[in-house]
Amino acid sequence: MSEALHSQILWKISVLMGACLSAFPACAQYSGGSGTARDPYQSATAADLIDLGERPTDYDKHLALVADIDVDPKLPGGQVFDKAVIAPGSFYNNKYSPFQGTPFTGVLNGDKHTISHLTITGKDCLGPFGQLRSEAQVKNLGVVDGNITGSGYYAGGAGGTQRGQ
């Protein structure tokens, strides 16, 4: 086979692969949604919550629980957390001073679902949400059978701390 023919075949294969791949929709974040008020990100699994916690750029988005979520450390995907799951925070030098970390400023509608068996053993700002700003909304959410233990400042069943602007 000539080199020119070989190059032409490789080029056609790459064009066809690109066309096939572009026909598939983009991979959705979490269990669906786009993060807007009309199409909130959907959280249905422990992995979704953990993923959200690792994406501070989504802390200002709209989210909705679409199922009860069990984060029991004994179950697959569950774990003992050492900080808040979403928007973890702490204090500088263990003093009451400006917080470290990105606060949650978005909207989470639990839609009457629960997060159960949340286990956190850490220091500051502990809860499902570590830091909530005044514009944040967490509604219709239950936290069941949680075990949150802190050695520093602020721990709560829904949020470690809520702060203004």
C-alpha atoms as a PDB file:
ATOM      1  CA  MET A   1       0.000   0.000   0.000  1.00  0.00           C
ATOM      2  CA  SER A   2       1.385   3.385  -0.922  1.00  0.00           C
ATOM      3  CA  GLU A   3       2.079   5.970   1.722  1.00  0.00           C
ATOM      4  CA  ALA A   4      -0.397   8.411   0.135  1.00  0.00           C
ATOM      5  CA  LEU A   5      -3.196   5.814   0.182  1.00  0.00           C
ATOM      6  CA  HIS A   6      -2.371   4.895   3.794  1.00  0.00           C
ATOM      7  CA  SER A   7      -2.551   8.571   4.857  1.00  0.00           C
ATOM      8  CA  GLN A   8      -5.842   9.028   3.010  1.00  0.00           C
ATOM      9  CA  ILE A   9      -7.390   5.992   4.761  1.00  0.00           C
ATOM     10  CA  LEU A  10      -6.223   7.211   8.194  1.00  0.00           C
ATOM     11  CA  TRP A  11      -7.659  10.660   7.489  1.00  0.00           C
ATOM     12  CA  LYS A  12     -11.049   9.168   6.491  1.00  0.00           C
ATOM     13  CA  ILE A  13     -11.116   6.987   9.623  1.00  0.00           C
ATOM     14  CA  SER A  14     -10.436   9.970  11.868  1.00  0.00           C
ATOM     15  CA  VAL A  15     -13.178  12.034  10.146  1.00  0.00           C
ATOM     16  CA  LEU A  16     -15.677   9.168  10.527  1.00  0.00           C
ATOM     17  CA  MET A  17     -14.780   8.653  14.196  1.00  0.00           C
ATOM     18  CA  GLY A  18     -15.190  12.366  14.867  1.00  0.00           C
ATOM     19  CA  ALA A  19     -18.596  12.357  13.182  1.00  0.00           C
ATOM     20  CA  CYS A  20     -19.729   9.330  15.186  1.00  0.00           C
ATOM     21  CA  LEU A  21     -18.551  10.736  18.494  1.00  0.00           C
ATOM     22  CA  SER A  22     -20.191  14.111  17.908  1.00  0.00           C
ATOM     23  CA  ALA A  23     -23.533  12.346  17.419  1.00  0.00           C
ATOM     24  CA  PHE A  24     -23.557  11.304  21.096  1.00  0.00           C
ATOM     25  CA  PRO A  25     -24.771  13.822  23.673  1.00  0.00           C
ATOM     26  CA  ALA A  26     -22.249  15.273  26.086  1.00  0.00           C
ATOM     27  CA  CYS A  27     -21.836  13.330  29.292  1.00  0.00           C
ATOM     28  CA  ALA A  28     -24.132  14.778  31.958  1.00  0.00           C
ATOM     29  CA  GLN A  29     -22.804  15.989  35.257  1.00  0.00           C
ATOM     30  CA  TYR A  30     -24.161  14.197  38.286  1.00  0.00           C
ATOM     31  CA  SER A  31     -27.381  12.280  37.493  1.00  0.00           C
ATOM     32  CA  GLY A  32     -28.620  14.911  35.042  1.00  0.00           C
ATOM     33  CA  GLY A  33     -29.618  18.536  34.709  1.00  0.00           C
ATOM     34  CA  SER A  34     -27.720  21.655  33.754  1.00  0.00           C
ATOM     35  CA  GLY A  35     -27.598  23.515  37.075  1.00  0.00           C
ATOM     36  CA  THR A  36     -30.185  26.183  36.274  1.00  0.00           C
ATOM     37  CA  ALA A  37     -33.388  27.004  38.167  1.00  0.00           C
ATOM     38  CA  ARG A  38     -35.469  25.338  35.425  1.00  0.00           C
ATOM     39  CA  ASP A  39     -33.132  22.354  35.030  1.00  0.00           C
ATOM     40  CA  PRO A  40     -31.264  21.793  38.301  1.00  0.00           C
ATOM     41  CA  TYR A  41     -28.435  19.316  38.586  1.00  0.00           C
ATOM     42  CA  GLN A  42     -29.890  16.033  39.829  1.00  0.00           C
ATOM     43  CA  SER A  43     -28.329  14.122  42.659  1.00  0.00           C
ATOM     44  CA  ALA A  44     -29.400  10.498  43.088  1.00  0.00           C
ATOM     45  CA  THR A  45     -26.341   8.771  44.539  1.00  0.00           C
ATOM     46  CA  ALA A  46     -23.602   9.147  47.132  1.00  0.00           C
ATOM     47  CA  ALA A  47     -21.196   9.584  44.211  1.00  0.00           C
ATOM     48  CA  ASP A  48     -23.218  12.603  43.010  1.00  0.00           C
ATOM     49  CA  LEU A  49     -22.928  14.297  46.424  1.00  0.00           C
ATOM     50  CA  ILE A  50     -19.218  13.559  46.672  1.00  0.00           C
ATOM     51  CA  ASP A  51     -18.694  14.820  43.120  1.00  0.00           C
ATOM     52  CA  LEU A  52     -20.527  18.055  43.936  1.00  0.00           C
ATOM     53  CA  GLY A  53     -18.326  18.507  46.983  1.00  0.00           C
ATOM     54  CA  GLU A  54     -15.277  18.350  44.741  1.00  0.00           C
ATOM     55  CA  ARG A  55     -16.593  21.033  42.345  1.00  0.00           C
ATOM     56  CA  PRO A  56     -16.637  24.455  44.044  1.00  0.00           C
ATOM     57  CA  THR A  57     -17.541  25.990  40.675  1.00  0.00           C
ATOM     58  CA  ASP A  58     -20.993  24.392  41.109  1.00  0.00           C
ATOM     59  CA  TYR A  59     -21.626  25.765  44.616  1.00  0.00           C
ATOM     60  CA  ASP A  60     -23.674  28.607  43.095  1.00  0.00           C
ATOM     61  CA  LYS A  61     -25.922  26.349  40.977  1.00  0.00           C
ATOM     62  CA  HIS A  62     -29.380  24.831  41.441  1.00  0.00           C
ATOM     63  CA  LEU A  63     -29.471  21.224  42.621  1.00  0.00           C
ATOM     64  CA  ALA A  64     -32.217  18.727  43.383  1.00  0.00           C
ATOM     65  CA  LEU A  65     -32.166  15.403  45.166  1.00  0.00           C
ATOM     66  CA  VAL A  66     -34.144  12.892  43.107  1.00  0.00           C
ATOM     67  CA  ALA A  67     -33.741   9.977  45.523  1.00  0.00           C
ATOM     68  CA  ASP A  68     -32.903   9.233  49.139  1.00  0.00           C
ATOM     69  CA  ILE A  69     -29.125   8.987  49.445  1.00  0.00           C
ATOM     70  CA  ASP A  70     -27.396   6.693  51.922  1.00  0.00           C
ATOM     71  CA  VAL A  71     -23.734   7.499  52.542  1.00  0.00           C
ATOM     72  CA  ASP A  72     -23.250   4.775  55.154  1.00  0.00           C
ATOM     73  CA  PRO A  73     -19.510   4.059  55.378  1.00  0.00           C
ATOM     74  CA  LYS A  74     -20.323   0.337  55.311  1.00  0.00           C
ATOM     75  CA  LEU A  75     -21.983   0.587  51.878  1.00  0.00           C
ATOM     76  CA  PRO A  76     -20.231   0.832  48.499  1.00  0.00           C
ATOM     77  CA  GLY A  77     -19.593   4.502  47.780  1.00  0.00           C
ATOM     78  CA  GLY A  78     -20.049   5.470  51.425  1.00  0.00           C
ATOM     79  CA  GLN A  79     -17.256   6.780  53.561  1.00  0.00           C
ATOM     80  CA  VAL A  80     -16.315   8.536  56.782  1.00  0.00           C
ATOM     81  CA  PHE A  81     -15.715  12.141  55.804  1.00  0.00           C
ATOM     82  CA  ASP A  82     -13.086  14.318  57.450  1.00  0.00           C
ATOM     83  CA  LYS A  83     -14.795  17.549  56.376  1.00  0.00           C
ATOM     84  CA  ALA A  84     -18.188  18.731  55.171  1.00  0.00           C
ATOM     85  CA  VAL A  85     -19.360  16.977  52.021  1.00  0.00           C
ATOM     86  CA  ILE A  86     -20.249  20.224  50.210  1.00  0.00           C
ATOM     87  CA  ALA A  87     -18.521  23.599  50.721  1.00  0.00           C
ATOM     88  CA  PRO A  88     -16.077  22.509  53.416  1.00  0.00           C
ATOM     89  CA  GLY A  89     -14.399  25.244  55.374  1.00  0.00           C
ATOM     90  CA  SER A  90     -12.111  25.993  58.245  1.00  0.00           C
ATOM     91  CA  PHE A  91     -10.684  28.894  60.178  1.00  0.00           C
ATOM     92  CA  TYR A  92      -7.229  30.361  59.775  1.00  0.00           C
ATOM     93  CA  ASN A  93      -4.968  29.381  62.654  1.00  0.00           C
ATOM     94  CA  ASN A  94      -7.874  27.992  64.751  1.00  0.00           C
ATOM     95  CA  LYS A  95      -9.039  31.536  65.486  1.00  0.00           C
ATOM     96  CA  TYR A  96     -12.379  33.143  64.808  1.00  0.00           C
ATOM     97  CA  SER A  97     -11.292  34.984  61.695  1.00  0.00           C
ATOM     98  CA  PRO A  98     -12.078  34.860  57.979  1.00  0.00           C
ATOM     99  CA  PHE A  99     -13.086  31.454  56.708  1.00  0.00           C
ATOM    100  CA  GLN A 100     -11.110  29.398  54.238  1.00  0.00           C
ATOM    101  CA  GLY A 101     -12.910  27.660  51.399  1.00  0.00           C
ATOM    102  CA  THR A 102     -15.717  28.417  48.958  1.00  0.00           C
ATOM    103  CA  PRO A 103     -19.178  28.732  50.548  1.00  0.00           C
ATOM    104  CA  PHE A 104     -22.353  27.292  49.041  1.00  0.00           C
ATOM    105  CA  THR A 105     -24.456  30.102  47.544  1.00  0.00           C
ATOM    106  CA  GLY A 106     -26.802  28.051  45.364  1.00  0.00           C
ATOM    107  CA  VAL A 107     -30.114  26.286  45.880  1.00  0.00           C
ATOM    108  CA  LEU A 108     -30.548  22.676  46.932  1.00  0.00           C
ATOM    109  CA  ASN A 109     -34.092  21.314  46.902  1.00  0.00           C
ATOM    110  CA  GLY A 110     -34.180  17.979  48.689  1.00  0.00           C
ATOM    111  CA  ASP A 111     -37.725  17.400  47.357  1.00  0.00           C
ATOM    112  CA  LYS A 112     -38.498  15.618  50.664  1.00  0.00           C
ATOM    113  CA  HIS A 113     -35.617  13.172  50.189  1.00  0.00           C
ATOM    114  CA  THR A 114     -33.026  12.337  52.827  1.00  0.00           C
ATOM    115  CA  ILE A 115     -29.304  11.968  53.235  1.00  0.00           C
ATOM    116  CA  SER A 116     -28.780   9.166  55.725  1.00  0.00           C
ATOM    117  CA  HIS A 117     -25.915   7.752  57.771  1.00  0.00           C
ATOM    118  CA  LEU A 118     -23.659  10.735  57.082  1.00  0.00           C
ATOM    119  CA  THR A 119     -20.557  10.234  59.225  1.00  0.00           C
ATOM    120  CA  ILE A 120     -18.080  13.095  59.616  1.00  0.00           C
ATOM    121  CA  THR A 121     -15.179  13.252  62.023  1.00  0.00           C
ATOM    122  CA  GLY A 122     -13.242  16.444  61.458  1.00  0.00           C
ATOM    123  CA  LYS A 123     -12.428  19.881  62.692  1.00  0.00           C
ATOM    124  CA  ASP A 124     -14.352  22.995  61.573  1.00  0.00           C
ATOM    125  CA  CYS A 125     -17.598  23.806  59.746  1.00  0.00           C
ATOM    126  CA  LEU A 126     -19.004  20.280  59.658  1.00  0.00           C
ATOM    127  CA  GLY A 127     -22.290  19.038  58.232  1.00  0.00           C
ATOM    128  CA  PRO A 128     -23.598  18.093  54.813  1.00  0.00           C
ATOM    129  CA  PHE A 129     -22.743  21.740  53.990  1.00  0.00           C
ATOM    130  CA  GLY A 130     -19.738  23.298  55.683  1.00  0.00           C
ATOM    131  CA  GLN A 131     -20.388  26.923  54.792  1.00  0.00           C
ATOM    132  CA  LEU A 132     -23.676  28.436  53.662  1.00  0.00           C
ATOM    133  CA  ARG A 133     -23.878  32.068  52.580  1.00  0.00           C
ATOM    134  CA  SER A 134     -26.975  34.142  53.289  1.00  0.00           C
ATOM    135  CA  GLU A 135     -28.255  33.777  49.704  1.00  0.00           C
ATOM    136  CA  ALA A 136     -28.023  29.970  49.805  1.00  0.00           C
ATOM    137  CA  GLN A 137     -31.215  27.928  50.050  1.00  0.00           C
ATOM    138  CA  VAL A 138     -31.382  24.386  51.367  1.00  0.00           C
ATOM    139  CA  LYS A 139     -34.985  23.235  51.533  1.00  0.00           C
ATOM    140  CA  ASN A 140     -37.112  20.097  51.785  1.00  0.00           C
ATOM    141  CA  LEU A 141     -34.099  18.024  52.863  1.00  0.00           C
ATOM    142  CA  GLY A 142     -33.909  15.533  55.702  1.00  0.00           C
ATOM    143  CA  VAL A 143     -30.720  14.323  57.359  1.00  0.00           C
ATOM    144  CA  VAL A 144     -31.286  10.994  59.095  1.00  0.00           C
ATOM    145  CA  ASP A 145     -29.030   9.047  61.476  1.00  0.00           C
ATOM    146  CA  GLY A 146     -26.034  11.318  61.022  1.00  0.00           C
ATOM    147  CA  ASN A 147     -22.958  11.211  63.207  1.00  0.00           C
ATOM    148  CA  ILE A 148     -21.052  14.492  63.045  1.00  0.00           C
ATOM    149  CA  THR A 149     -18.146  15.018  65.428  1.00  0.00           C
ATOM    150  CA  GLY A 150     -15.942  18.098  65.382  1.00  0.00           C
ATOM    151  CA  SER A 151     -12.881  19.167  67.297  1.00  0.00           C
ATOM    152  CA  GLY A 152     -12.909  22.820  66.242  1.00  0.00           C
ATOM    153  CA  TYR A 153     -15.609  25.350  65.457  1.00  0.00           C
ATOM    154  CA  TYR A 154     -19.180  24.746  64.293  1.00  0.00           C
ATOM    155  CA  ALA A 155     -20.898  21.492  63.439  1.00  0.00           C
ATOM    156  CA  GLY A 156     -24.542  20.971  62.529  1.00  0.00           C
ATOM    157  CA  GLY A 157     -27.048  18.563  61.066  1.00  0.00           C
ATOM    158  CA  ALA A 158     -27.537  20.641  57.906  1.00  0.00           C
ATOM    159  CA  GLY A 159     -24.670  23.103  57.870  1.00  0.00           C
ATOM    160  CA  GLY A 160     -21.578  23.895  59.864  1.00  0.00           C
ATOM    161  CA  THR A 161     -21.963  27.642  59.594  1.00  0.00           C
ATOM    162  CA  GLN A 162     -24.118  30.187  57.830  1.00  0.00           C
ATOM    163  CA  ARG A 163     -22.567  33.547  57.152  1.00  0.00           C
ATOM    164  CA  GLY A 164     -23.538  36.784  55.462  1.00  0.00           C
ATOM    165  CA  GLN A 165     -21.837  38.595  52.627  1.00  0.00           C
END
